[in-house]
């Protein structure tokens, strides 16, 4: 099997932080635990969850520019060797996609810096350069497989030519659409049970080595 598409979650996989949203919360000194509880309990949908998080930032700081958030996200720690990893995957003939429930600005920065071919993440809206408590859900964290399935159809790539890399239960749906599924520093038991391979490493290179070995 030679992969034609390799899909990465972002938060906790390409970054060392488990959540780009939480990273911004901590910067602004706000607590979104009640919003998270309501979302996980099904009391609010994902879009209201997104809006409530942005409202927390605005209540803490008043008007917030998009560039303020981008500047915060530029400080997020990344996993080592992303550039070399992506280069080796491209050499195998694999396209690279980022599919994340995280913040689009960060996913785009990583994608542009290291050469991802496709980037899917959730958008926060702005007006005149300032955040408003609204956005667009590109990736439903509870249904990331829908985005992957759409990309596979668009590219004419099947399960047998797809690799997915994640770290939480939210990535299991993508695993089911992949010939090889890899959990990097897995965060919960569900992902450990549903992946084909577990890798614990600060570097992304062992992930690429596993993909290369699988293709031989």
N, C-alpha and C. Protein backbone atom coordinates (compact mmCIF):
# COMPACT_ATOMS: atom_id res chain seq x y z
N UNK A 1 0.84 -1.20 0.00
CA UNK A 1 0.00 0.00 0.00
C UNK A 1 0.87 1.24 0.00
N UNK A 2 0.67 2.09 -1.00
CA UNK A 2 1.34 3.38 -1.04
C UNK A 2 0.29 4.44 -0.76
N UNK A 3 0.44 5.21 0.30
CA UNK A 3 -0.60 6.19 0.63
C UNK A 3 -0.67 7.29 -0.41
N UNK A 4 -1.89 7.63 -0.79
CA UNK A 4 -2.11 8.78 -1.65
C UNK A 4 -2.64 9.97 -0.86
N UNK A 5 -3.06 9.70 0.38
CA UNK A 5 -3.57 10.77 1.24
C UNK A 5 -3.23 10.44 2.68
N UNK A 6 -2.57 11.38 3.35
CA UNK A 6 -2.27 11.25 4.78
C UNK A 6 -2.93 12.42 5.49
N UNK A 7 -3.76 12.08 6.48
CA UNK A 7 -4.57 13.08 7.17
C UNK A 7 -4.11 13.20 8.62
N UNK A 8 -3.88 14.43 9.04
CA UNK A 8 -3.45 14.71 10.41
C UNK A 8 -4.50 15.51 11.16
N UNK A 9 -4.80 15.09 12.37
CA UNK A 9 -5.41 16.01 13.33
C UNK A 9 -4.35 17.06 13.65
N UNK A 10 -4.76 18.20 14.17
CA UNK A 10 -3.79 19.24 14.50
C UNK A 10 -3.47 19.28 16.00
N UNK A 11 -4.47 19.61 16.82
CA UNK A 11 -4.21 19.80 18.25
C UNK A 11 -3.79 18.49 18.90
N UNK A 12 -2.61 18.52 19.52
CA UNK A 12 -2.09 17.33 20.18
C UNK A 12 -1.32 16.41 19.27
N UNK A 13 -1.37 16.65 17.95
CA UNK A 13 -0.65 15.83 16.99
C UNK A 13 0.44 16.65 16.30
N UNK A 14 0.04 17.72 15.63
CA UNK A 14 1.02 18.63 15.05
C UNK A 14 1.49 19.66 16.07
N UNK A 15 0.66 19.90 17.07
CA UNK A 15 1.06 20.79 18.17
C UNK A 15 1.29 19.97 19.43
N UNK A 16 2.01 20.56 20.36
CA UNK A 16 2.19 19.91 21.66
C UNK A 16 1.07 20.27 22.62
N UNK A 17 0.32 21.30 22.30
CA UNK A 17 -0.85 21.69 23.09
C UNK A 17 -2.04 20.85 22.65
N UNK A 18 -2.83 20.37 23.60
CA UNK A 18 -3.94 19.49 23.24
C UNK A 18 -5.12 20.25 22.65
N UNK A 19 -5.13 21.58 22.76
CA UNK A 19 -6.25 22.36 22.22
C UNK A 19 -5.80 23.78 21.91
N UNK A 20 -5.96 24.20 20.66
CA UNK A 20 -5.64 25.58 20.32
C UNK A 20 -6.63 26.53 20.99
N UNK A 21 -7.89 26.09 21.13
CA UNK A 21 -8.87 26.91 21.85
C UNK A 21 -8.45 27.11 23.30
N UNK A 22 -8.04 26.01 23.96
CA UNK A 22 -7.63 26.11 25.36
C UNK A 22 -6.38 26.96 25.52
N UNK A 23 -5.51 26.90 24.54
CA UNK A 23 -4.29 27.69 24.58
C UNK A 23 -4.63 29.19 24.63
N UNK A 24 -5.62 29.61 23.84
CA UNK A 24 -6.05 31.01 23.85
C UNK A 24 -6.78 31.33 25.16
N UNK A 25 -7.62 30.39 25.64
CA UNK A 25 -8.30 30.61 26.93
C UNK A 25 -7.28 30.91 28.03
N UNK A 26 -6.24 30.10 28.08
CA UNK A 26 -5.22 30.28 29.13
C UNK A 26 -4.50 31.61 28.97
N UNK A 27 -4.26 32.01 27.73
CA UNK A 27 -3.61 33.31 27.51
C UNK A 27 -4.46 34.45 28.05
N UNK A 28 -5.77 34.37 27.84
CA UNK A 28 -6.68 35.41 28.28
C UNK A 28 -7.14 35.22 29.72
N UNK A 29 -6.76 34.10 30.35
CA UNK A 29 -7.13 33.87 31.74
C UNK A 29 -8.61 33.59 31.93
N UNK A 30 -9.23 32.87 30.98
CA UNK A 30 -10.65 32.55 31.09
C UNK A 30 -10.83 31.04 31.21
N UNK A 31 -11.98 30.65 31.72
CA UNK A 31 -12.30 29.24 31.98
C UNK A 31 -13.53 28.85 31.16
N UNK A 32 -13.36 27.92 30.23
CA UNK A 32 -14.48 27.50 29.38
C UNK A 32 -15.06 26.16 29.82
N UNK A 33 -14.75 25.71 31.03
CA UNK A 33 -15.17 24.37 31.46
C UNK A 33 -16.69 24.21 31.45
N UNK A 34 -17.44 25.26 31.78
CA UNK A 34 -18.89 25.16 31.76
C UNK A 34 -19.41 25.06 30.33
N UNK A 35 -18.82 25.84 29.41
CA UNK A 35 -19.19 25.73 28.01
C UNK A 35 -18.92 24.32 27.49
N UNK A 36 -17.77 23.78 27.86
CA UNK A 36 -17.40 22.43 27.42
C UNK A 36 -18.37 21.39 27.98
N UNK A 37 -18.71 21.54 29.25
CA UNK A 37 -19.65 20.59 29.86
C UNK A 37 -20.97 20.60 29.12
N UNK A 38 -21.47 21.79 28.80
CA UNK A 38 -22.76 21.91 28.12
C UNK A 38 -22.70 21.30 26.71
N UNK A 39 -21.58 21.49 26.04
CA UNK A 39 -21.43 20.93 24.69
C UNK A 39 -21.38 19.40 24.75
N UNK A 40 -20.58 18.87 25.65
CA UNK A 40 -20.45 17.42 25.75
C UNK A 40 -21.75 16.77 26.20
N UNK A 41 -22.53 17.51 26.98
CA UNK A 41 -23.82 16.99 27.45
C UNK A 41 -24.92 17.14 26.41
N UNK A 42 -24.62 17.78 25.29
CA UNK A 42 -25.62 17.97 24.25
C UNK A 42 -26.57 19.12 24.52
N UNK A 43 -26.25 19.97 25.48
CA UNK A 43 -27.12 21.11 25.80
C UNK A 43 -26.97 22.23 24.78
N UNK A 44 -25.82 22.33 24.15
CA UNK A 44 -25.58 23.32 23.09
C UNK A 44 -24.89 22.61 21.93
N UNK A 45 -25.11 23.12 20.72
CA UNK A 45 -24.43 22.54 19.57
C UNK A 45 -23.04 23.16 19.43
N UNK A 46 -22.28 22.67 18.42
CA UNK A 46 -20.90 23.12 18.31
C UNK A 46 -20.81 24.62 18.03
N UNK A 47 -21.72 25.14 17.18
CA UNK A 47 -21.64 26.56 16.86
C UNK A 47 -21.87 27.43 18.09
N UNK A 48 -22.80 27.04 18.96
CA UNK A 48 -23.01 27.83 20.19
C UNK A 48 -21.79 27.68 21.11
N UNK A 49 -21.18 26.50 21.09
CA UNK A 49 -19.95 26.29 21.85
C UNK A 49 -18.87 27.25 21.37
N UNK A 50 -18.69 27.36 20.04
CA UNK A 50 -17.71 28.29 19.47
C UNK A 50 -18.04 29.72 19.88
N UNK A 51 -19.31 30.11 19.73
CA UNK A 51 -19.68 31.49 20.06
C UNK A 51 -19.43 31.79 21.54
N UNK A 52 -19.74 30.84 22.41
CA UNK A 52 -19.57 31.07 23.85
C UNK A 52 -18.11 31.20 24.21
N UNK A 53 -17.24 30.47 23.50
CA UNK A 53 -15.80 30.62 23.76
C UNK A 53 -15.31 32.00 23.35
N UNK A 54 -15.74 32.47 22.18
CA UNK A 54 -15.32 33.80 21.73
C UNK A 54 -15.85 34.88 22.67
N UNK A 55 -17.07 34.70 23.16
CA UNK A 55 -17.63 35.68 24.11
C UNK A 55 -16.77 35.76 25.37
N UNK A 56 -16.21 34.64 25.80
CA UNK A 56 -15.32 34.66 26.97
C UNK A 56 -14.14 35.58 26.72
N UNK A 57 -13.54 35.48 25.53
CA UNK A 57 -12.39 36.34 25.22
C UNK A 57 -12.80 37.81 25.21
N UNK A 58 -13.94 38.08 24.61
CA UNK A 58 -14.39 39.47 24.52
C UNK A 58 -14.76 40.04 25.89
N UNK A 59 -15.33 39.20 26.74
CA UNK A 59 -15.68 39.67 28.08
C UNK A 59 -14.44 39.93 28.92
N UNK A 60 -13.38 39.18 28.65
CA UNK A 60 -12.14 39.36 29.41
C UNK A 60 -11.33 40.56 28.93
N UNK A 61 -11.35 40.83 27.61
CA UNK A 61 -10.45 41.82 27.04
C UNK A 61 -11.15 42.97 26.31
N UNK A 62 -12.46 42.90 26.16
CA UNK A 62 -13.11 43.91 25.32
C UNK A 62 -12.84 43.59 23.87
N UNK A 63 -12.79 44.59 22.97
CA UNK A 63 -12.54 44.31 21.56
C UNK A 63 -11.22 43.56 21.37
N UNK A 64 -11.28 42.51 20.55
CA UNK A 64 -10.11 41.68 20.27
C UNK A 64 -9.92 41.61 18.76
N UNK A 65 -8.75 41.96 18.29
CA UNK A 65 -8.46 41.89 16.87
C UNK A 65 -8.13 40.46 16.45
N UNK A 66 -8.41 40.14 15.21
CA UNK A 66 -8.01 38.84 14.69
C UNK A 66 -6.50 38.66 14.83
N UNK A 67 -5.75 39.73 14.59
CA UNK A 67 -4.29 39.64 14.68
C UNK A 67 -3.84 39.32 16.10
N UNK A 68 -4.61 39.75 17.11
CA UNK A 68 -4.27 39.42 18.49
C UNK A 68 -4.29 37.91 18.69
N UNK A 69 -5.32 37.25 18.16
CA UNK A 69 -5.43 35.79 18.30
C UNK A 69 -4.33 35.10 17.50
N UNK A 70 -4.09 35.58 16.30
CA UNK A 70 -3.03 34.99 15.48
C UNK A 70 -1.68 35.10 16.17
N UNK A 71 -1.41 36.24 16.79
CA UNK A 71 -0.15 36.42 17.52
C UNK A 71 -0.02 35.45 18.68
N UNK A 72 -1.12 35.22 19.40
CA UNK A 72 -1.11 34.24 20.49
C UNK A 72 -0.80 32.86 19.94
N UNK A 73 -1.48 32.49 18.86
CA UNK A 73 -1.32 31.15 18.29
C UNK A 73 0.07 30.91 17.73
N UNK A 74 0.75 31.96 17.35
CA UNK A 74 2.12 31.81 16.84
C UNK A 74 3.07 31.28 17.91
N UNK A 75 2.67 31.40 19.18
CA UNK A 75 3.51 30.91 20.26
C UNK A 75 3.23 29.48 20.66
N UNK A 76 2.28 28.83 20.02
CA UNK A 76 1.92 27.48 20.44
C UNK A 76 3.05 26.51 20.09
N UNK A 77 3.43 25.61 20.99
CA UNK A 77 4.53 24.69 20.71
C UNK A 77 4.12 23.62 19.71
N UNK A 78 4.98 23.37 18.73
CA UNK A 78 4.72 22.38 17.70
C UNK A 78 5.55 21.12 17.93
N UNK A 79 5.04 20.01 17.42
CA UNK A 79 5.82 18.78 17.45
C UNK A 79 7.03 18.94 16.53
N UNK A 80 8.10 18.28 16.86
CA UNK A 80 9.34 18.43 16.09
C UNK A 80 9.24 17.74 14.72
N UNK A 81 9.98 18.29 13.76
CA UNK A 81 10.24 17.66 12.46
C UNK A 81 9.02 17.58 11.55
N UNK A 82 8.10 18.52 11.70
CA UNK A 82 6.93 18.51 10.81
C UNK A 82 7.36 18.70 9.36
N UNK A 83 8.26 19.64 9.11
CA UNK A 83 8.69 19.92 7.75
C UNK A 83 9.30 18.71 7.07
N UNK A 84 10.22 18.03 7.75
CA UNK A 84 10.85 16.84 7.16
C UNK A 84 9.82 15.73 6.97
N UNK A 85 8.92 15.60 7.93
CA UNK A 85 7.89 14.56 7.84
C UNK A 85 7.00 14.78 6.62
N UNK A 86 6.54 16.02 6.43
CA UNK A 86 5.68 16.31 5.29
C UNK A 86 6.43 16.12 3.97
N UNK A 87 7.69 16.50 3.95
CA UNK A 87 8.49 16.35 2.74
C UNK A 87 8.62 14.87 2.36
N UNK A 88 8.85 14.03 3.34
CA UNK A 88 8.98 12.59 3.07
C UNK A 88 7.65 12.00 2.60
N UNK A 89 6.55 12.46 3.17
CA UNK A 89 5.25 11.97 2.72
C UNK A 89 4.96 12.39 1.28
N UNK A 90 5.31 13.62 0.95
CA UNK A 90 5.15 14.05 -0.44
C UNK A 90 6.02 13.22 -1.38
N UNK A 91 7.20 12.83 -0.92
CA UNK A 91 8.07 12.00 -1.74
C UNK A 91 7.48 10.62 -2.00
N UNK A 92 6.63 10.16 -1.09
CA UNK A 92 5.93 8.89 -1.27
C UNK A 92 4.77 9.01 -2.25
N UNK A 93 4.44 10.25 -2.61
CA UNK A 93 3.30 10.48 -3.49
C UNK A 93 2.01 10.74 -2.76
N UNK A 94 2.12 11.06 -1.47
CA UNK A 94 0.92 11.28 -0.66
C UNK A 94 0.59 12.76 -0.55
N UNK A 95 -0.66 13.10 -0.78
CA UNK A 95 -1.15 14.42 -0.42
C UNK A 95 -1.29 14.47 1.10
N UNK A 96 -1.27 15.68 1.65
CA UNK A 96 -1.34 15.86 3.10
C UNK A 96 -2.50 16.78 3.42
N UNK A 97 -3.33 16.35 4.36
CA UNK A 97 -4.46 17.17 4.80
C UNK A 97 -4.43 17.33 6.31
N UNK A 98 -4.84 18.49 6.76
CA UNK A 98 -5.07 18.74 8.18
C UNK A 98 -6.59 18.87 8.36
N UNK A 99 -7.13 18.00 9.23
CA UNK A 99 -8.55 18.05 9.56
C UNK A 99 -8.67 18.21 11.06
N UNK A 100 -9.12 19.38 11.50
CA UNK A 100 -9.04 19.73 12.92
C UNK A 100 -10.27 20.49 13.38
N UNK A 101 -10.68 20.21 14.60
CA UNK A 101 -11.70 21.02 15.25
C UNK A 101 -11.11 22.27 15.88
N UNK A 102 -9.83 22.49 15.68
CA UNK A 102 -9.15 23.65 16.23
C UNK A 102 -9.38 24.91 15.42
N UNK A 103 -8.58 25.92 15.71
CA UNK A 103 -8.78 27.25 15.12
C UNK A 103 -8.10 27.33 13.74
N UNK A 104 -8.84 27.80 12.76
CA UNK A 104 -8.36 27.80 11.37
C UNK A 104 -7.07 28.59 11.21
N UNK A 105 -6.94 29.71 11.87
CA UNK A 105 -5.74 30.52 11.68
C UNK A 105 -4.48 29.73 11.98
N UNK A 106 -4.50 28.91 13.02
CA UNK A 106 -3.34 28.10 13.34
C UNK A 106 -3.14 26.99 12.31
N UNK A 107 -4.22 26.31 11.93
CA UNK A 107 -4.11 25.24 10.94
C UNK A 107 -3.55 25.78 9.63
N UNK A 108 -4.00 26.98 9.23
CA UNK A 108 -3.50 27.58 8.00
C UNK A 108 -2.02 27.92 8.14
N UNK A 109 -1.61 28.47 9.28
CA UNK A 109 -0.20 28.80 9.47
C UNK A 109 0.67 27.56 9.34
N UNK A 110 0.27 26.47 9.99
CA UNK A 110 1.04 25.23 9.92
C UNK A 110 1.04 24.69 8.49
N UNK A 111 -0.14 24.70 7.86
CA UNK A 111 -0.24 24.19 6.50
C UNK A 111 0.63 24.95 5.53
N UNK A 112 0.60 26.28 5.62
CA UNK A 112 1.41 27.10 4.71
C UNK A 112 2.89 26.96 4.99
N UNK A 113 3.25 26.86 6.26
CA UNK A 113 4.67 26.78 6.62
C UNK A 113 5.30 25.47 6.18
N UNK A 114 4.55 24.38 6.30
CA UNK A 114 5.14 23.07 6.07
C UNK A 114 4.62 22.36 4.83
N UNK A 115 3.67 22.94 4.12
CA UNK A 115 3.30 22.39 2.84
C UNK A 115 2.16 21.40 2.84
N UNK A 116 1.19 21.56 3.75
CA UNK A 116 -0.02 20.73 3.67
C UNK A 116 -0.80 21.13 2.42
N UNK A 117 -1.41 20.14 1.79
CA UNK A 117 -2.15 20.40 0.56
C UNK A 117 -3.59 20.86 0.82
N UNK A 118 -4.16 20.41 1.94
CA UNK A 118 -5.55 20.74 2.28
C UNK A 118 -5.64 21.04 3.77
N UNK A 119 -6.39 22.07 4.11
CA UNK A 119 -6.54 22.46 5.51
C UNK A 119 -8.02 22.68 5.80
N UNK A 120 -8.51 21.96 6.80
CA UNK A 120 -9.90 22.10 7.25
C UNK A 120 -9.90 22.34 8.75
N UNK A 121 -10.42 23.49 9.17
CA UNK A 121 -10.53 23.81 10.59
C UNK A 121 -11.60 24.88 10.74
N UNK A 122 -11.95 25.20 11.97
CA UNK A 122 -13.12 26.04 12.21
C UNK A 122 -12.77 27.52 12.26
N UNK A 123 -13.64 28.31 11.66
CA UNK A 123 -13.37 29.72 11.43
C UNK A 123 -14.10 30.61 12.45
N UNK A 124 -13.43 31.67 12.86
CA UNK A 124 -14.02 32.72 13.69
C UNK A 124 -14.22 33.94 12.80
N UNK A 125 -15.39 34.53 12.86
CA UNK A 125 -15.68 35.68 12.01
C UNK A 125 -15.16 36.97 12.63
N UNK A 126 -14.89 37.92 11.75
CA UNK A 126 -14.42 39.24 12.17
C UNK A 126 -15.21 40.32 11.43
N UNK A 127 -15.21 41.49 12.01
CA UNK A 127 -15.78 42.67 11.36
C UNK A 127 -14.80 43.81 11.54
N UNK A 128 -14.32 44.34 10.42
CA UNK A 128 -13.32 45.41 10.45
C UNK A 128 -12.09 45.00 11.25
N UNK A 129 -11.73 43.72 11.15
CA UNK A 129 -10.53 43.23 11.80
C UNK A 129 -10.71 42.80 13.23
N UNK A 130 -11.92 42.96 13.80
CA UNK A 130 -12.18 42.59 15.19
C UNK A 130 -13.12 41.39 15.26
N UNK A 131 -12.86 40.53 16.25
CA UNK A 131 -13.67 39.34 16.41
C UNK A 131 -15.11 39.66 16.75
N UNK A 132 -16.01 38.86 16.20
CA UNK A 132 -17.41 38.85 16.60
C UNK A 132 -17.72 37.44 17.06
N UNK A 133 -18.68 37.28 17.99
CA UNK A 133 -18.96 35.94 18.52
C UNK A 133 -19.77 35.09 17.55
N UNK A 134 -19.13 34.74 16.44
CA UNK A 134 -19.77 33.90 15.44
C UNK A 134 -18.66 33.30 14.58
N UNK A 135 -19.01 32.37 13.73
CA UNK A 135 -18.02 31.75 12.88
C UNK A 135 -18.65 30.73 11.96
N UNK A 136 -17.82 29.83 11.44
CA UNK A 136 -18.30 28.79 10.54
C UNK A 136 -17.71 27.45 10.95
N UNK A 137 -18.57 26.48 11.15
CA UNK A 137 -18.10 25.14 11.48
C UNK A 137 -17.72 24.41 10.20
N UNK A 138 -16.45 24.24 9.99
CA UNK A 138 -15.93 23.48 8.86
C UNK A 138 -15.78 22.02 9.25
N UNK A 139 -15.38 21.79 10.50
CA UNK A 139 -15.15 20.45 11.01
C UNK A 139 -15.94 20.27 12.30
N UNK A 140 -16.92 19.40 12.29
CA UNK A 140 -17.62 19.03 13.52
C UNK A 140 -16.71 18.06 14.26
N UNK A 141 -16.21 18.41 15.45
CA UNK A 141 -15.28 17.52 16.14
C UNK A 141 -15.85 16.12 16.38
N UNK A 142 -17.18 16.00 16.44
CA UNK A 142 -17.80 14.71 16.64
C UNK A 142 -18.03 13.94 15.34
N UNK A 143 -17.69 14.56 14.20
CA UNK A 143 -17.93 13.92 12.91
C UNK A 143 -16.86 14.32 11.91
N UNK A 144 -15.60 14.17 12.31
CA UNK A 144 -14.50 14.54 11.42
C UNK A 144 -14.44 13.63 10.19
N UNK A 145 -15.01 12.43 10.33
CA UNK A 145 -14.99 11.49 9.21
C UNK A 145 -15.75 12.05 8.00
N UNK A 146 -16.75 12.90 8.24
CA UNK A 146 -17.51 13.46 7.12
C UNK A 146 -16.61 14.32 6.23
N UNK A 147 -15.69 15.06 6.84
CA UNK A 147 -14.76 15.88 6.07
C UNK A 147 -13.80 15.00 5.29
N UNK A 148 -13.29 13.96 5.95
CA UNK A 148 -12.37 13.05 5.27
C UNK A 148 -13.07 12.34 4.11
N UNK A 149 -14.28 11.86 4.35
CA UNK A 149 -15.01 11.17 3.29
C UNK A 149 -15.24 12.09 2.08
N UNK A 150 -15.56 13.35 2.36
CA UNK A 150 -15.75 14.30 1.27
C UNK A 150 -14.47 14.53 0.49
N UNK A 151 -13.34 14.61 1.19
CA UNK A 151 -12.06 14.81 0.52
C UNK A 151 -11.69 13.58 -0.31
N UNK A 152 -11.93 12.40 0.24
CA UNK A 152 -11.65 11.18 -0.52
C UNK A 152 -12.45 11.13 -1.81
N UNK A 153 -13.73 11.47 -1.74
CA UNK A 153 -14.56 11.49 -2.95
C UNK A 153 -14.03 12.51 -3.95
N UNK A 154 -13.67 13.67 -3.45
CA UNK A 154 -13.18 14.74 -4.33
C UNK A 154 -11.91 14.33 -5.06
N UNK A 155 -11.03 13.59 -4.37
CA UNK A 155 -9.74 13.22 -4.95
C UNK A 155 -9.77 11.84 -5.61
N UNK A 156 -10.86 11.11 -5.45
CA UNK A 156 -10.92 9.76 -6.00
C UNK A 156 -9.98 8.81 -5.29
N UNK A 157 -9.86 8.98 -3.98
CA UNK A 157 -8.95 8.16 -3.16
C UNK A 157 -9.79 7.34 -2.19
N UNK A 158 -9.50 6.04 -2.10
CA UNK A 158 -10.27 5.16 -1.23
C UNK A 158 -9.61 4.92 0.10
N UNK A 159 -10.30 4.15 0.92
CA UNK A 159 -9.79 3.79 2.25
C UNK A 159 -8.42 3.12 2.17
N UNK A 160 -8.22 2.27 1.17
CA UNK A 160 -6.97 1.52 1.05
C UNK A 160 -5.76 2.36 0.73
N UNK A 161 -5.97 3.63 0.37
CA UNK A 161 -4.85 4.52 0.05
C UNK A 161 -4.75 5.69 1.01
N UNK A 162 -5.43 5.57 2.16
CA UNK A 162 -5.50 6.67 3.12
C UNK A 162 -4.87 6.27 4.45
N UNK A 163 -4.12 7.20 5.03
CA UNK A 163 -3.55 7.07 6.37
C UNK A 163 -4.10 8.20 7.22
N UNK A 164 -4.47 7.92 8.44
CA UNK A 164 -4.92 8.99 9.34
C UNK A 164 -4.12 8.93 10.64
N UNK A 165 -3.87 10.13 11.18
CA UNK A 165 -3.05 10.27 12.38
C UNK A 165 -3.81 11.17 13.35
N UNK A 166 -4.09 10.66 14.55
CA UNK A 166 -4.85 11.43 15.53
C UNK A 166 -4.40 11.12 16.94
N UNK A 167 -5.18 11.61 17.91
CA UNK A 167 -4.78 11.38 19.31
C UNK A 167 -5.95 11.23 20.27
N UNK A 168 -7.20 11.46 19.81
CA UNK A 168 -8.34 11.36 20.71
C UNK A 168 -9.47 10.57 20.06
N UNK A 169 -10.49 10.30 20.85
CA UNK A 169 -11.66 9.58 20.37
C UNK A 169 -12.30 10.28 19.17
N UNK A 170 -12.18 11.59 19.09
CA UNK A 170 -12.76 12.33 17.98
C UNK A 170 -12.13 11.96 16.63
N UNK A 171 -10.97 11.30 16.66
CA UNK A 171 -10.29 10.91 15.42
C UNK A 171 -10.64 9.49 14.98
N UNK A 172 -11.38 8.77 15.78
CA UNK A 172 -11.67 7.37 15.48
C UNK A 172 -12.45 7.23 14.17
N UNK A 173 -13.37 8.15 13.90
CA UNK A 173 -14.11 8.09 12.65
C UNK A 173 -13.19 8.16 11.44
N UNK A 174 -12.14 8.97 11.51
CA UNK A 174 -11.17 9.04 10.42
C UNK A 174 -10.39 7.74 10.33
N UNK A 175 -10.09 7.14 11.48
CA UNK A 175 -9.38 5.85 11.47
C UNK A 175 -10.15 4.81 10.67
N UNK A 176 -11.47 4.82 10.81
CA UNK A 176 -12.30 3.81 10.15
C UNK A 176 -12.32 3.97 8.64
N UNK A 177 -11.90 5.12 8.15
CA UNK A 177 -11.84 5.37 6.70
C UNK A 177 -10.42 5.25 6.17
N UNK A 178 -9.53 4.61 6.94
CA UNK A 178 -8.12 4.58 6.59
C UNK A 178 -7.57 3.16 6.65
N UNK A 179 -6.62 2.88 5.76
CA UNK A 179 -5.95 1.57 5.77
C UNK A 179 -4.98 1.46 6.93
N UNK A 180 -4.41 2.60 7.33
CA UNK A 180 -3.49 2.65 8.47
C UNK A 180 -3.91 3.80 9.36
N UNK A 181 -4.11 3.50 10.64
CA UNK A 181 -4.48 4.54 11.61
C UNK A 181 -3.44 4.56 12.72
N UNK A 182 -2.94 5.76 13.01
CA UNK A 182 -1.86 5.93 13.98
C UNK A 182 -2.31 6.91 15.06
N UNK A 183 -2.18 6.50 16.31
CA UNK A 183 -2.44 7.39 17.44
C UNK A 183 -1.11 7.89 17.98
N UNK A 184 -0.95 9.20 18.03
CA UNK A 184 0.28 9.83 18.53
C UNK A 184 0.02 10.34 19.94
N UNK A 185 0.80 9.84 20.90
CA UNK A 185 0.59 10.22 22.30
C UNK A 185 -0.90 10.21 22.63
N UNK A 186 -1.58 9.07 22.49
CA UNK A 186 -3.05 9.02 22.63
C UNK A 186 -3.52 9.53 23.97
N UNK A 187 -4.65 10.26 23.93
CA UNK A 187 -5.17 10.94 25.11
C UNK A 187 -6.28 10.17 25.82
N UNK A 188 -6.85 9.14 25.19
CA UNK A 188 -7.93 8.41 25.86
C UNK A 188 -7.92 6.95 25.41
N UNK A 189 -8.62 6.13 26.17
CA UNK A 189 -8.61 4.69 25.93
C UNK A 189 -9.30 4.34 24.62
N UNK A 190 -10.32 5.09 24.23
CA UNK A 190 -11.04 4.78 23.00
C UNK A 190 -10.13 4.82 21.79
N UNK A 191 -9.27 5.81 21.72
CA UNK A 191 -8.38 5.91 20.56
C UNK A 191 -7.31 4.83 20.61
N UNK A 192 -6.89 4.45 21.80
CA UNK A 192 -5.91 3.37 21.92
C UNK A 192 -6.47 2.06 21.38
N UNK A 193 -7.72 1.81 21.66
CA UNK A 193 -8.35 0.56 21.25
C UNK A 193 -8.67 0.51 19.77
N UNK A 194 -8.85 1.67 19.14
CA UNK A 194 -9.36 1.70 17.76
C UNK A 194 -8.30 2.01 16.71
N UNK A 195 -7.07 2.28 17.14
CA UNK A 195 -6.02 2.55 16.17
C UNK A 195 -5.25 1.27 15.85
N UNK A 196 -4.50 1.29 14.77
CA UNK A 196 -3.66 0.15 14.41
C UNK A 196 -2.29 0.24 15.06
N UNK A 197 -1.84 1.47 15.33
CA UNK A 197 -0.49 1.67 15.83
C UNK A 197 -0.45 2.85 16.78
N UNK A 198 0.30 2.72 17.87
CA UNK A 198 0.49 3.82 18.83
C UNK A 198 1.95 4.24 18.78
N UNK A 199 2.17 5.54 18.68
CA UNK A 199 3.53 6.09 18.70
C UNK A 199 3.59 7.19 19.74
N UNK A 200 4.56 7.09 20.63
CA UNK A 200 4.80 8.14 21.63
C UNK A 200 6.15 8.78 21.31
N UNK A 201 6.11 10.00 20.84
CA UNK A 201 7.34 10.66 20.42
C UNK A 201 7.13 12.16 20.34
N UNK A 202 8.18 12.93 20.65
CA UNK A 202 8.14 14.38 20.46
C UNK A 202 8.28 14.76 19.00
N UNK A 203 8.74 13.81 18.19
CA UNK A 203 9.00 14.05 16.77
C UNK A 203 7.94 13.35 15.92
N UNK A 204 7.67 13.92 14.75
CA UNK A 204 6.74 13.31 13.81
C UNK A 204 7.43 12.27 12.92
N UNK A 205 8.74 12.17 13.00
CA UNK A 205 9.45 11.26 12.09
C UNK A 205 9.12 9.79 12.33
N UNK A 206 8.94 9.32 13.58
CA UNK A 206 8.54 7.92 13.74
C UNK A 206 7.20 7.60 13.08
N UNK A 207 6.32 8.58 13.01
CA UNK A 207 5.04 8.39 12.31
C UNK A 207 5.29 8.15 10.83
N UNK A 208 6.14 8.96 10.23
CA UNK A 208 6.44 8.81 8.81
C UNK A 208 7.16 7.48 8.55
N UNK A 209 8.06 7.10 9.45
CA UNK A 209 8.76 5.83 9.29
C UNK A 209 7.76 4.67 9.30
N UNK A 210 6.78 4.74 10.17
CA UNK A 210 5.75 3.70 10.24
C UNK A 210 4.95 3.65 8.93
N UNK A 211 4.64 4.81 8.36
CA UNK A 211 3.91 4.85 7.09
C UNK A 211 4.76 4.28 5.97
N UNK A 212 6.04 4.63 5.95
CA UNK A 212 6.95 4.09 4.93
C UNK A 212 7.07 2.57 5.05
N UNK A 213 7.19 2.07 6.27
CA UNK A 213 7.29 0.64 6.49
C UNK A 213 6.02 -0.09 6.07
N UNK A 214 4.89 0.53 6.35
CA UNK A 214 3.59 -0.08 6.00
C UNK A 214 3.43 -0.20 4.50
N UNK A 215 4.04 0.71 3.77
CA UNK A 215 3.90 0.71 2.32
C UNK A 215 4.82 -0.25 1.61
N UNK A 216 5.74 -0.87 2.36
CA UNK A 216 6.69 -1.77 1.70
C UNK A 216 6.09 -3.15 1.49
